Amino acid sequence: MLNPEKIKIPYLDAYCEYLEFQRRLSKNTIRNYKKAVLIFVKFLDTEKIWKGTFQVFDRRIIRSFLIEEQRRISRRTLHNYVSGLKNFYTYLRREGYCSSNPFTNLLLPKLERRLPEFLTESQVVALLEAPAKMLNNNLISRFDAYRDNLILELLYGGGLRISELCMLKYGDINTKTGIARIFGKGGKERVCPLGNLAMASLRLFMQNFNFPNSPNAPILVDAKGKQTQPRQIQLRLKRYLNFAQLPHSITPHKLRHSFATHLLNNGAELRAVQEMLGHASLSTTQLYTHTSIERLREVHSQAHPHG
């Protein structure tokens, strides 16, 4: 059987370069799109259909692929695979390697509408206080306490994605206004307020540790001055969640959920939250309104005479 990880699949490397340098998609998205192509090739080979080229396959073959994948993956993953393969064939058409896209206008199973998990405002306070408390108990170093408090304040104060946080440079932040220039998915630029507490945390970090702060210098570094990586942040967050006795399922991205939910709960306009999050579609941001509606329903049931 063909092992797609070990053979040269035509156009795949060029496609990935196109996604990185022209579409400017994140490494995670590129990895997922590439995986979708590899899995599709593996299916074609298993079915004795793979001939080493990406000719336009019959829709029945595409449907068979979808049915086969539904047996082992979630609906959301299936949608992601189809998105990657549709993008791949769009690229092939653009380059003249095929005449049509067999992954357009497919009927896919509906996605489950899952509400985003988030922390309450009091839970966020407990999390943000964790580095200082652990320092007071001699559980972490002074550097880790200051740097990690800055990480948490930026994640929550700006609603940043972990990739955006790691790439943040001193030249991206106006220290007088607290406004940051963020480069998000696809290289799209947005401006985002970071909040007074995040800026205060940044000033404390700069005052206490003498790392380069030129415009191109990364803000988040380790004790040796090397740029902090996403995995490091994920592991540090788990440590503070454990200390504060908060759910271990919380991730840096769920702090972004908390950011959006708390803004809406406190009266922020949906369109403004969309801009701060960098969502291309308002419908993506509207997912957070469900949690606000649940809060309103709870208030109504507790306070209204007929609740």
C-alpha atoms as a PDB file:
ATOM      1  CA  MET A   1       0.000   0.000   0.000  1.00  0.00           C
ATOM      2  CA  LEU A   2       1.120   3.539  -0.765  1.00  0.00           C
ATOM      3  CA  ASN A   3       2.571   5.460   2.153  1.00  0.00           C
ATOM      4  CA  PRO A   4       1.778   9.102   1.303  1.00  0.00           C
ATOM      5  CA  GLU A   5       4.201  10.332   3.952  1.00  0.00           C
ATOM      6  CA  LYS A   6       7.176   8.852   2.059  1.00  0.00           C
ATOM      7  CA  ILE A   7       6.419   9.512  -1.604  1.00  0.00           C
ATOM      8  CA  LYS A   8       6.498  12.643  -3.690  1.00  0.00           C
ATOM      9  CA  ILE A   9       2.904  13.739  -4.201  1.00  0.00           C
ATOM     10  CA  PRO A  10       2.724  16.052  -7.211  1.00  0.00           C
ATOM     11  CA  TYR A  11       2.159  19.759  -6.529  1.00  0.00           C
ATOM     12  CA  LEU A  12       1.865  19.310  -2.748  1.00  0.00           C
ATOM     13  CA  ASP A  13       5.095  21.071  -1.792  1.00  0.00           C
ATOM     14  CA  ALA A  14       4.343  23.955  -4.153  1.00  0.00           C
ATOM     15  CA  TYR A  15       0.817  24.161  -2.714  1.00  0.00           C
ATOM     16  CA  CYS A  16       2.158  24.419   0.833  1.00  0.00           C
ATOM     17  CA  GLU A  17       4.596  27.156  -0.226  1.00  0.00           C
ATOM     18  CA  TYR A  18       1.700  29.000  -1.866  1.00  0.00           C
ATOM     19  CA  LEU A  19      -0.313  28.785   1.380  1.00  0.00           C
ATOM     20  CA  GLU A  20       2.629  30.031   3.436  1.00  0.00           C
ATOM     21  CA  PHE A  21       4.040  32.824   1.290  1.00  0.00           C
ATOM     22  CA  GLN A  22       1.052  34.033  -0.735  1.00  0.00           C
ATOM     23  CA  ARG A  23      -1.980  33.168   1.371  1.00  0.00           C
ATOM     24  CA  ARG A  24       0.111  33.644   4.542  1.00  0.00           C
ATOM     25  CA  LEU A  25      -1.854  31.055   6.450  1.00  0.00           C
ATOM     26  CA  SER A  26      -0.721  29.808   9.846  1.00  0.00           C
ATOM     27  CA  LYS A  27       1.574  26.804  10.150  1.00  0.00           C
ATOM     28  CA  ASN A  28      -1.213  24.900  11.871  1.00  0.00           C
ATOM     29  CA  THR A  29      -3.658  25.518   8.993  1.00  0.00           C
ATOM     30  CA  ILE A  30      -1.045  24.537   6.412  1.00  0.00           C
ATOM     31  CA  ARG A  31      -0.299  21.338   8.328  1.00  0.00           C
ATOM     32  CA  ASN A  32      -4.012  20.453   8.459  1.00  0.00           C
ATOM     33  CA  TYR A  33      -4.541  21.173   4.746  1.00  0.00           C
ATOM     34  CA  LYS A  34      -1.539  19.048   3.857  1.00  0.00           C
ATOM     35  CA  LYS A  35      -2.837  16.226   6.049  1.00  0.00           C
ATOM     36  CA  ALA A  36      -6.172  16.330   4.198  1.00  0.00           C
ATOM     37  CA  VAL A  37      -4.387  15.803   0.872  1.00  0.00           C
ATOM     38  CA  LEU A  38      -2.323  12.940   2.299  1.00  0.00           C
ATOM     39  CA  ILE A  39      -5.404  11.184   3.674  1.00  0.00           C
ATOM     40  CA  PHE A  40      -7.236  11.606   0.372  1.00  0.00           C
ATOM     41  CA  VAL A  41      -4.304  10.084  -1.528  1.00  0.00           C
ATOM     42  CA  LYS A  42      -4.191   7.178   0.913  1.00  0.00           C
ATOM     43  CA  PHE A  43      -7.904   6.537   0.323  1.00  0.00           C
ATOM     44  CA  LEU A  44      -7.430   6.636  -3.455  1.00  0.00           C
ATOM     45  CA  ASP A  45      -4.586   4.159  -3.220  1.00  0.00           C
ATOM     46  CA  THR A  46      -6.584   1.818  -0.979  1.00  0.00           C
ATOM     47  CA  GLU A  47      -9.401   1.871  -3.530  1.00  0.00           C
ATOM     48  CA  LYS A  48      -6.889   1.226  -6.383  1.00  0.00           C
ATOM     49  CA  ILE A  49      -7.781   4.593  -7.917  1.00  0.00           C
ATOM     50  CA  TRP A  50      -4.556   6.520  -7.377  1.00  0.00           C
ATOM     51  CA  LYS A  51      -2.567   6.889 -10.608  1.00  0.00           C
ATOM     52  CA  GLY A  52      -0.099   9.487  -9.436  1.00  0.00           C
ATOM     53  CA  THR A  53      -2.051  12.503 -10.677  1.00  0.00           C
ATOM     54  CA  PHE A  54      -4.939  14.625  -9.441  1.00  0.00           C
ATOM     55  CA  GLN A  55      -7.321  14.313 -12.342  1.00  0.00           C
ATOM     56  CA  VAL A  56     -10.916  15.319 -11.552  1.00  0.00           C
ATOM     57  CA  PHE A  57     -12.441  12.277  -9.903  1.00  0.00           C
ATOM     58  CA  ASP A  58     -16.050  11.218 -10.244  1.00  0.00           C
ATOM     59  CA  ARG A  59     -18.314  12.636  -7.537  1.00  0.00           C
ATOM     60  CA  ARG A  60     -19.170   9.086  -6.471  1.00  0.00           C
ATOM     61  CA  ILE A  61     -15.531   8.605  -5.505  1.00  0.00           C
ATOM     62  CA  ILE A  62     -15.601  11.826  -3.501  1.00  0.00           C
ATOM     63  CA  ARG A  63     -18.793  10.727  -1.723  1.00  0.00           C
ATOM     64  CA  SER A  64     -17.245   7.334  -0.951  1.00  0.00           C
ATOM     65  CA  PHE A  65     -14.255   9.127   0.552  1.00  0.00           C
ATOM     66  CA  LEU A  66     -16.540  11.246   2.750  1.00  0.00           C
ATOM     67  CA  ILE A  67     -18.554   8.228   3.900  1.00  0.00           C
ATOM     68  CA  GLU A  68     -15.379   6.342   4.766  1.00  0.00           C
ATOM     69  CA  GLU A  69     -13.954   9.251   6.739  1.00  0.00           C
ATOM     70  CA  GLN A  70     -17.198   9.836   8.657  1.00  0.00           C
ATOM     71  CA  ARG A  71     -16.765   6.441  10.256  1.00  0.00           C
ATOM     72  CA  ARG A  72     -13.561   7.456  12.011  1.00  0.00           C
ATOM     73  CA  ILE A  73     -13.493  11.240  12.437  1.00  0.00           C
ATOM     74  CA  SER A  74     -15.783  13.947  13.793  1.00  0.00           C
ATOM     75  CA  ARG A  75     -17.993  16.098  11.601  1.00  0.00           C
ATOM     76  CA  ARG A  76     -15.875  19.137  12.346  1.00  0.00           C
ATOM     77  CA  THR A  77     -12.684  17.358  11.250  1.00  0.00           C
ATOM     78  CA  LEU A  78     -14.465  16.194   8.093  1.00  0.00           C
ATOM     79  CA  HIS A  79     -15.412  19.794   7.286  1.00  0.00           C
ATOM     80  CA  ASN A  80     -11.783  20.823   7.816  1.00  0.00           C
ATOM     81  CA  TYR A  81     -10.563  18.066   5.470  1.00  0.00           C
ATOM     82  CA  VAL A  82     -13.009  19.131   2.760  1.00  0.00           C
ATOM     83  CA  SER A  83     -11.953  22.757   3.185  1.00  0.00           C
ATOM     84  CA  GLY A  84      -8.316  21.760   2.713  1.00  0.00           C
ATOM     85  CA  LEU A  85      -9.050  19.627  -0.349  1.00  0.00           C
ATOM     86  CA  LYS A  86     -11.260  22.293  -1.887  1.00  0.00           C
ATOM     87  CA  ASN A  87      -8.434  24.799  -1.457  1.00  0.00           C
ATOM     88  CA  PHE A  88      -5.981  22.318  -2.960  1.00  0.00           C
ATOM     89  CA  TYR A  89      -8.093  21.841  -6.092  1.00  0.00           C
ATOM     90  CA  THR A  90      -8.631  25.589  -6.354  1.00  0.00           C
ATOM     91  CA  TYR A  91      -4.849  25.920  -6.453  1.00  0.00           C
ATOM     92  CA  LEU A  92      -4.562  23.123  -9.072  1.00  0.00           C
ATOM     93  CA  ARG A  93      -7.142  24.856 -11.284  1.00  0.00           C
ATOM     94  CA  ARG A  94      -5.390  28.184 -10.949  1.00  0.00           C
ATOM     95  CA  GLU A  95      -2.107  26.613 -12.028  1.00  0.00           C
ATOM     96  CA  GLY A  96      -3.785  24.770 -14.922  1.00  0.00           C
ATOM     97  CA  TYR A  97      -3.269  21.253 -13.504  1.00  0.00           C
ATOM     98  CA  CYS A  98      -6.966  20.307 -13.586  1.00  0.00           C
ATOM     99  CA  SER A  99     -10.165  21.634 -15.140  1.00  0.00           C
ATOM    100  CA  SER A 100     -12.656  21.633 -12.243  1.00  0.00           C
ATOM    101  CA  ASN A 101     -12.977  21.235  -8.485  1.00  0.00           C
ATOM    102  CA  PRO A 102     -14.760  18.028  -7.349  1.00  0.00           C
ATOM    103  CA  PHE A 103     -15.015  19.312  -3.754  1.00  0.00           C
ATOM    104  CA  THR A 104     -17.303  22.264  -4.478  1.00  0.00           C
ATOM    105  CA  ASN A 105     -21.008  22.217  -3.538  1.00  0.00           C
ATOM    106  CA  LEU A 106     -20.783  19.044  -1.483  1.00  0.00           C
ATOM    107  CA  LEU A 107     -23.531  18.192   0.970  1.00  0.00           C
ATOM    108  CA  LEU A 108     -21.828  17.674   4.295  1.00  0.00           C
ATOM    109  CA  PRO A 109     -23.329  16.633   7.639  1.00  0.00           C
ATOM    110  CA  LYS A 110     -24.301  19.630   9.738  1.00  0.00           C
ATOM    111  CA  LEU A 111     -21.905  20.658  12.467  1.00  0.00           C
ATOM    112  CA  GLU A 112     -22.949  20.373  16.075  1.00  0.00           C
ATOM    113  CA  ARG A 113     -23.406  23.864  17.504  1.00  0.00           C
ATOM    114  CA  ARG A 114     -21.007  23.779  20.435  1.00  0.00           C
ATOM    115  CA  LEU A 115     -20.868  26.669  22.864  1.00  0.00           C
ATOM    116  CA  PRO A 116     -17.326  27.862  23.550  1.00  0.00           C
ATOM    117  CA  GLU A 117     -15.888  26.987  26.949  1.00  0.00           C
ATOM    118  CA  PHE A 118     -14.723  29.975  28.967  1.00  0.00           C
ATOM    119  CA  LEU A 119     -13.794  31.090  32.471  1.00  0.00           C
ATOM    120  CA  THR A 120     -16.006  33.298  34.618  1.00  0.00           C
ATOM    121  CA  GLU A 121     -14.677  36.724  35.527  1.00  0.00           C
ATOM    122  CA  SER A 122     -13.839  35.572  39.066  1.00  0.00           C
ATOM    123  CA  GLN A 123     -12.016  32.529  37.668  1.00  0.00           C
ATOM    124  CA  VAL A 124      -9.958  34.792  35.391  1.00  0.00           C
ATOM    125  CA  VAL A 125      -8.971  36.865  38.432  1.00  0.00           C
ATOM    126  CA  ALA A 126      -7.829  33.687  40.215  1.00  0.00           C
ATOM    127  CA  LEU A 127      -5.783  32.667  37.167  1.00  0.00           C
ATOM    128  CA  LEU A 128      -4.146  36.081  36.770  1.00  0.00           C
ATOM    129  CA  GLU A 129      -3.192  36.112  40.455  1.00  0.00           C
ATOM    130  CA  ALA A 130      -1.599  32.668  40.285  1.00  0.00           C
ATOM    131  CA  PRO A 131       1.947  33.695  39.163  1.00  0.00           C
ATOM    132  CA  ALA A 132       2.328  36.205  42.017  1.00  0.00           C
ATOM    133  CA  LYS A 133       1.005  33.737  44.588  1.00  0.00           C
ATOM    134  CA  MET A 134       3.314  31.001  43.337  1.00  0.00           C
ATOM    135  CA  LEU A 135       6.244  33.431  43.538  1.00  0.00           C
ATOM    136  CA  ASN A 136       5.321  34.302  47.128  1.00  0.00           C
ATOM    137  CA  ASN A 137       5.354  30.586  47.919  1.00  0.00           C
ATOM    138  CA  ASN A 138       8.759  30.148  46.234  1.00  0.00           C
ATOM    139  CA  LEU A 139       7.227  27.806  43.660  1.00  0.00           C
ATOM    140  CA  ILE A 140       8.481  29.717  40.590  1.00  0.00           C
ATOM    141  CA  SER A 141      11.276  32.154  39.822  1.00  0.00           C
ATOM    142  CA  ARG A 142      10.867  35.919  39.815  1.00  0.00           C
ATOM    143  CA  PHE A 143      11.406  35.994  36.061  1.00  0.00           C
ATOM    144  CA  ASP A 144       8.735  33.351  35.432  1.00  0.00           C
ATOM    145  CA  ALA A 145       6.248  35.204  37.621  1.00  0.00           C
ATOM    146  CA  TYR A 146       6.664  38.527  35.803  1.00  0.00           C
ATOM    147  CA  ARG A 147       6.873  37.023  32.313  1.00  0.00           C
ATOM    148  CA  ASP A 148       3.938  34.642  32.843  1.00  0.00           C
ATOM    149  CA  ASN A 149       1.739  37.347  34.339  1.00  0.00           C
ATOM    150  CA  LEU A 150       2.418  39.331  31.164  1.00  0.00           C
ATOM    151  CA  ILE A 151       1.474  36.309  29.038  1.00  0.00           C
ATOM    152  CA  LEU A 152      -1.838  35.857  30.834  1.00  0.00           C
ATOM    153  CA  GLU A 153      -2.678  39.561  30.792  1.00  0.00           C
ATOM    154  CA  LEU A 154      -2.004  39.803  27.050  1.00  0.00           C
ATOM    155  CA  LEU A 155      -3.991  36.654  26.234  1.00  0.00           C
ATOM    156  CA  TYR A 156      -6.998  37.821  28.211  1.00  0.00           C
ATOM    157  CA  GLY A 157      -6.618  41.587  27.841  1.00  0.00           C
ATOM    158  CA  GLY A 158      -6.245  41.485  24.061  1.00  0.00           C
ATOM    159  CA  GLY A 159      -8.062  38.276  23.168  1.00  0.00           C
ATOM    160  CA  LEU A 160      -5.001  37.200  21.191  1.00  0.00           C
ATOM    161  CA  ARG A 161      -4.431  33.857  19.537  1.00  0.00           C
ATOM    162  CA  ILE A 162      -1.389  32.069  20.919  1.00  0.00           C
ATOM    163  CA  SER A 163       0.445  32.428  17.577  1.00  0.00           C
ATOM    164  CA  GLU A 164      -0.268  36.178  17.557  1.00  0.00           C
ATOM    165  CA  LEU A 165       1.008  36.483  21.110  1.00  0.00           C
ATOM    166  CA  CYS A 166       4.292  34.707  20.381  1.00  0.00           C
ATOM    167  CA  MET A 167       4.941  36.900  17.341  1.00  0.00           C
ATOM    168  CA  LEU A 168       4.178  40.168  19.151  1.00  0.00           C
ATOM    169  CA  LYS A 169       7.074  42.647  18.952  1.00  0.00           C
ATOM    170  CA  TYR A 170       7.744  45.890  20.789  1.00  0.00           C
ATOM    171  CA  GLY A 171       7.226  47.848  17.584  1.00  0.00           C
ATOM    172  CA  ASP A 172       3.690  46.451  17.351  1.00  0.00           C
ATOM    173  CA  ILE A 173       2.524  48.193  20.529  1.00  0.00           C
ATOM    174  CA  ASN A 174       1.902  51.885  21.121  1.00  0.00           C
ATOM    175  CA  THR A 175       2.859  52.050  24.792  1.00  0.00           C
ATOM    176  CA  LYS A 176       1.086  55.407  25.266  1.00  0.00           C
ATOM    177  CA  THR A 177      -2.311  54.283  23.987  1.00  0.00           C
ATOM    178  CA  GLY A 178      -2.097  50.559  24.762  1.00  0.00           C
ATOM    179  CA  ILE A 179      -3.122  49.770  21.195  1.00  0.00           C
ATOM    180  CA  ALA A 180      -1.417  46.839  19.453  1.00  0.00           C
ATOM    181  CA  ARG A 181      -1.059  46.075  15.783  1.00  0.00           C
ATOM    182  CA  ILE A 182      -1.820  42.369  15.435  1.00  0.00           C
ATOM    183  CA  PHE A 183      -1.059  40.176  12.428  1.00  0.00           C
ATOM    184  CA  GLY A 184      -3.659  37.407  12.425  1.00  0.00           C
ATOM    185  CA  LYS A 185      -4.725  34.570  10.164  1.00  0.00           C
ATOM    186  CA  GLY A 186      -3.735  34.992   6.543  1.00  0.00           C
ATOM    187  CA  GLY A 187      -1.493  37.910   7.494  1.00  0.00           C
ATOM    188  CA  LYS A 188      -4.539  40.117   8.088  1.00  0.00           C
ATOM    189  CA  GLU A 189      -3.728  43.134  10.210  1.00  0.00           C
ATOM    190  CA  ARG A 190      -5.976  44.549  12.913  1.00  0.00           C
ATOM    191  CA  VAL A 191      -5.642  46.956  15.806  1.00  0.00           C
ATOM    192  CA  CYS A 192      -6.542  45.783  19.274  1.00  0.00           C
ATOM    193  CA  PRO A 193      -6.599  47.469  22.706  1.00  0.00           C
ATOM    194  CA  LEU A 194      -4.648  45.422  25.254  1.00  0.00           C
ATOM    195  CA  GLY A 195      -6.029  46.954  28.437  1.00  0.00           C
ATOM    196  CA  ASN A 196      -4.485  48.963  31.275  1.00  0.00           C
ATOM    197  CA  LEU A 197      -3.495  45.925  33.344  1.00  0.00           C
ATOM    198  CA  ALA A 198      -1.701  44.287  30.406  1.00  0.00           C
ATOM    199  CA  MET A 199       0.217  47.496  29.744  1.00  0.00           C
ATOM    200  CA  ALA A 200       1.106  47.835  33.434  1.00  0.00           C
ATOM    201  CA  SER A 201       2.366  44.246  33.380  1.00  0.00           C
ATOM    202  CA  LEU A 202       4.479  45.013  30.296  1.00  0.00           C
ATOM    203  CA  ARG A 203       6.032  48.074  31.964  1.00  0.00           C
ATOM    204  CA  LEU A 204       6.884  46.034  35.076  1.00  0.00           C
ATOM    205  CA  PHE A 205       8.496  43.352  32.961  1.00  0.00           C
ATOM    206  CA  MET A 206      10.579  45.904  31.056  1.00  0.00           C
ATOM    207  CA  GLN A 207      11.631  47.677  34.271  1.00  0.00           C
ATOM    208  CA  ASN A 208      12.723  44.493  36.038  1.00  0.00           C
ATOM    209  CA  PHE A 209      14.429  42.614  33.193  1.00  0.00           C
ATOM    210  CA  ASN A 210      16.884  44.105  30.761  1.00  0.00           C
ATOM    211  CA  PHE A 211      16.022  42.380  27.489  1.00  0.00           C
ATOM    212  CA  PRO A 212      16.286  44.058  24.061  1.00  0.00           C
ATOM    213  CA  ASN A 213      13.197  46.157  23.349  1.00  0.00           C
ATOM    214  CA  SER A 214      13.936  47.443  19.871  1.00  0.00           C
ATOM    215  CA  PRO A 215      10.922  47.550  17.487  1.00  0.00           C
ATOM    216  CA  ASN A 216      11.788  44.115  16.016  1.00  0.00           C
ATOM    217  CA  ALA A 217      12.510  42.423  19.354  1.00  0.00           C
ATOM    218  CA  PRO A 218       9.948  39.856  20.551  1.00  0.00           C
ATOM    219  CA  ILE A 219       8.167  40.817  23.748  1.00  0.00           C
ATOM    220  CA  LEU A 220       7.883  37.323  25.174  1.00  0.00           C
ATOM    221  CA  VAL A 221      11.205  35.593  25.774  1.00  0.00           C
ATOM    222  CA  ASP A 222      12.572  32.914  28.069  1.00  0.00           C
ATOM    223  CA  ALA A 223      15.194  33.560  30.763  1.00  0.00           C
ATOM    224  CA  LYS A 224      17.947  33.321  28.120  1.00  0.00           C
ATOM    225  CA  GLY A 225      16.296  35.882  25.858  1.00  0.00           C
ATOM    226  CA  LYS A 226      14.986  33.405  23.275  1.00  0.00           C
ATOM    227  CA  GLN A 227      11.521  33.940  21.847  1.00  0.00           C
ATOM    228  CA  THR A 228       8.826  32.081  23.788  1.00  0.00           C
ATOM    229  CA  GLN A 229       7.147  29.267  21.823  1.00  0.00           C
ATOM    230  CA  PRO A 230       3.444  28.284  21.870  1.00  0.00           C
ATOM    231  CA  ARG A 231       4.126  24.947  23.566  1.00  0.00           C
ATOM    232  CA  GLN A 232       5.891  26.709  26.438  1.00  0.00           C
ATOM    233  CA  ILE A 233       2.853  28.929  26.983  1.00  0.00           C
ATOM    234  CA  GLN A 234       0.485  25.963  26.931  1.00  0.00           C
ATOM    235  CA  LEU A 235       2.527  24.171  29.596  1.00  0.00           C
ATOM    236  CA  ARG A 236       2.841  27.271  31.794  1.00  0.00           C
ATOM    237  CA  LEU A 237      -0.908  27.834  31.612  1.00  0.00           C
ATOM    238  CA  LYS A 238      -1.596  24.272  32.783  1.00  0.00           C
ATOM    239  CA  ARG A 239       0.593  24.885  35.818  1.00  0.00           C
ATOM    240  CA  TYR A 240      -1.338  27.990  36.843  1.00  0.00           C
ATOM    241  CA  LEU A 241      -4.711  26.333  36.222  1.00  0.00           C
ATOM    242  CA  ASN A 242      -3.641  23.530  38.524  1.00  0.00           C
ATOM    243  CA  PHE A 243      -2.478  25.964  41.214  1.00  0.00           C
ATOM    244  CA  ALA A 244      -5.717  28.000  41.017  1.00  0.00           C
ATOM    245  CA  GLN A 245      -7.823  24.804  40.941  1.00  0.00           C
ATOM    246  CA  LEU A 246      -9.399  25.737  37.625  1.00  0.00           C
ATOM    247  CA  PRO A 247     -10.494  23.361  34.816  1.00  0.00           C
ATOM    248  CA  HIS A 248      -7.524  21.745  33.083  1.00  0.00           C
ATOM    249  CA  SER A 249      -9.477  21.855  29.812  1.00  0.00           C
ATOM    250  CA  ILE A 250      -8.848  25.608  29.582  1.00  0.00           C
ATOM    251  CA  THR A 251      -6.389  26.496  26.808  1.00  0.00           C
ATOM    252  CA  PRO A 252      -4.907  29.805  25.612  1.00  0.00           C
ATOM    253  CA  HIS A 253      -7.643  29.901  22.967  1.00  0.00           C
ATOM    254  CA  LYS A 254     -10.313  29.511  25.642  1.00  0.00           C
ATOM    255  CA  LEU A 255      -8.953  32.620  27.311  1.00  0.00           C
ATOM    256  CA  ARG A 256      -9.802  34.279  23.990  1.00  0.00           C
ATOM    257  CA  HIS A 257     -13.327  32.872  24.399  1.00  0.00           C
ATOM    258  CA  SER A 258     -13.406  34.363  27.895  1.00  0.00           C
ATOM    259  CA  PHE A 259     -12.276  37.743  26.533  1.00  0.00           C
ATOM    260  CA  ALA A 260     -15.116  37.823  23.978  1.00  0.00           C
ATOM    261  CA  THR A 261     -17.794  36.527  26.331  1.00  0.00           C
ATOM    262  CA  HIS A 262     -16.941  39.014  29.088  1.00  0.00           C
ATOM    263  CA  LEU A 263     -16.961  41.922  26.640  1.00  0.00           C
ATOM    264  CA  LEU A 264     -20.424  41.002  25.385  1.00  0.00           C
ATOM    265  CA  ASN A 265     -21.719  40.326  28.892  1.00  0.00           C
ATOM    266  CA  ASN A 266     -20.664  43.835  29.876  1.00  0.00           C
ATOM    267  CA  GLY A 267     -22.363  45.582  26.970  1.00  0.00           C
ATOM    268  CA  ALA A 268     -19.796  45.650  24.144  1.00  0.00           C
ATOM    269  CA  GLU A 269     -21.184  45.846  20.620  1.00  0.00           C
ATOM    270  CA  LEU A 270     -20.925  42.639  18.612  1.00  0.00           C
ATOM    271  CA  ARG A 271     -19.277  44.388  15.658  1.00  0.00           C
ATOM    272  CA  ALA A 272     -16.573  45.877  17.900  1.00  0.00           C
ATOM    273  CA  VAL A 273     -15.825  42.462  19.398  1.00  0.00           C
ATOM    274  CA  GLN A 274     -15.620  41.032  15.881  1.00  0.00           C
ATOM    275  CA  GLU A 275     -12.994  43.625  14.962  1.00  0.00           C
ATOM    276  CA  MET A 276     -10.956  42.993  18.110  1.00  0.00           C
ATOM    277  CA  LEU A 277     -10.997  39.230  17.534  1.00  0.00           C
ATOM    278  CA  GLY A 278     -10.144  39.588  13.846  1.00  0.00           C
ATOM    279  CA  HIS A 279     -13.074  37.454  12.682  1.00  0.00           C
ATOM    280  CA  ALA A 280     -13.767  37.710   8.963  1.00  0.00           C
ATOM    281  CA  SER A 281     -17.439  36.880   9.472  1.00  0.00           C
ATOM    282  CA  LEU A 282     -19.807  38.296  12.066  1.00  0.00           C
ATOM    283  CA  SER A 283     -21.469  34.876  12.324  1.00  0.00           C
ATOM    284  CA  THR A 284     -18.269  33.509  13.925  1.00  0.00           C
ATOM    285  CA  THR A 285     -18.414  36.150  16.639  1.00  0.00           C
ATOM    286  CA  GLN A 286     -22.156  35.591  17.151  1.00  0.00           C
ATOM    287  CA  LEU A 287     -21.373  32.216  18.688  1.00  0.00           C
ATOM    288  CA  TYR A 288     -20.386  34.088  21.853  1.00  0.00           C
ATOM    289  CA  THR A 289     -23.798  35.721  22.112  1.00  0.00           C
ATOM    290  CA  HIS A 290     -25.267  32.339  23.071  1.00  0.00           C
ATOM    291  CA  THR A 291     -23.445  32.488  26.385  1.00  0.00           C
ATOM    292  CA  SER A 292     -24.711  36.028  26.925  1.00  0.00           C
ATOM    293  CA  ILE A 293     -28.249  34.895  26.149  1.00  0.00           C
ATOM    294  CA  GLU A 294     -27.904  32.101  28.695  1.00  0.00           C
ATOM    295  CA  ARG A 295     -26.839  34.665  31.283  1.00  0.00           C
ATOM    296  CA  LEU A 296     -29.852  36.866  30.460  1.00  0.00           C
ATOM    297  CA  ARG A 297     -32.163  33.870  30.737  1.00  0.00           C
ATOM    298  CA  GLU A 298     -30.724  33.052  34.152  1.00  0.00           C
ATOM    299  CA  VAL A 299     -31.174  36.648  35.335  1.00  0.00           C
ATOM    300  CA  HIS A 300     -34.746  36.652  34.033  1.00  0.00           C
ATOM    301  CA  SER A 301     -35.637  33.400  35.779  1.00  0.00           C
ATOM    302  CA  GLN A 302     -34.223  34.673  39.076  1.00  0.00           C
ATOM    303  CA  ALA A 303     -35.554  38.221  39.019  1.00  0.00           C
ATOM    304  CA  HIS A 304     -38.801  38.283  37.020  1.00  0.00           C
ATOM    305  CA  PRO A 305     -42.056  37.524  38.849  1.00  0.00           C
ATOM    306  CA  HIS A 306     -43.083  35.145  36.078  1.00  0.00           C
ATOM    307  CA  GLY A 307     -39.573  33.738  35.567  1.00  0.00           C
END
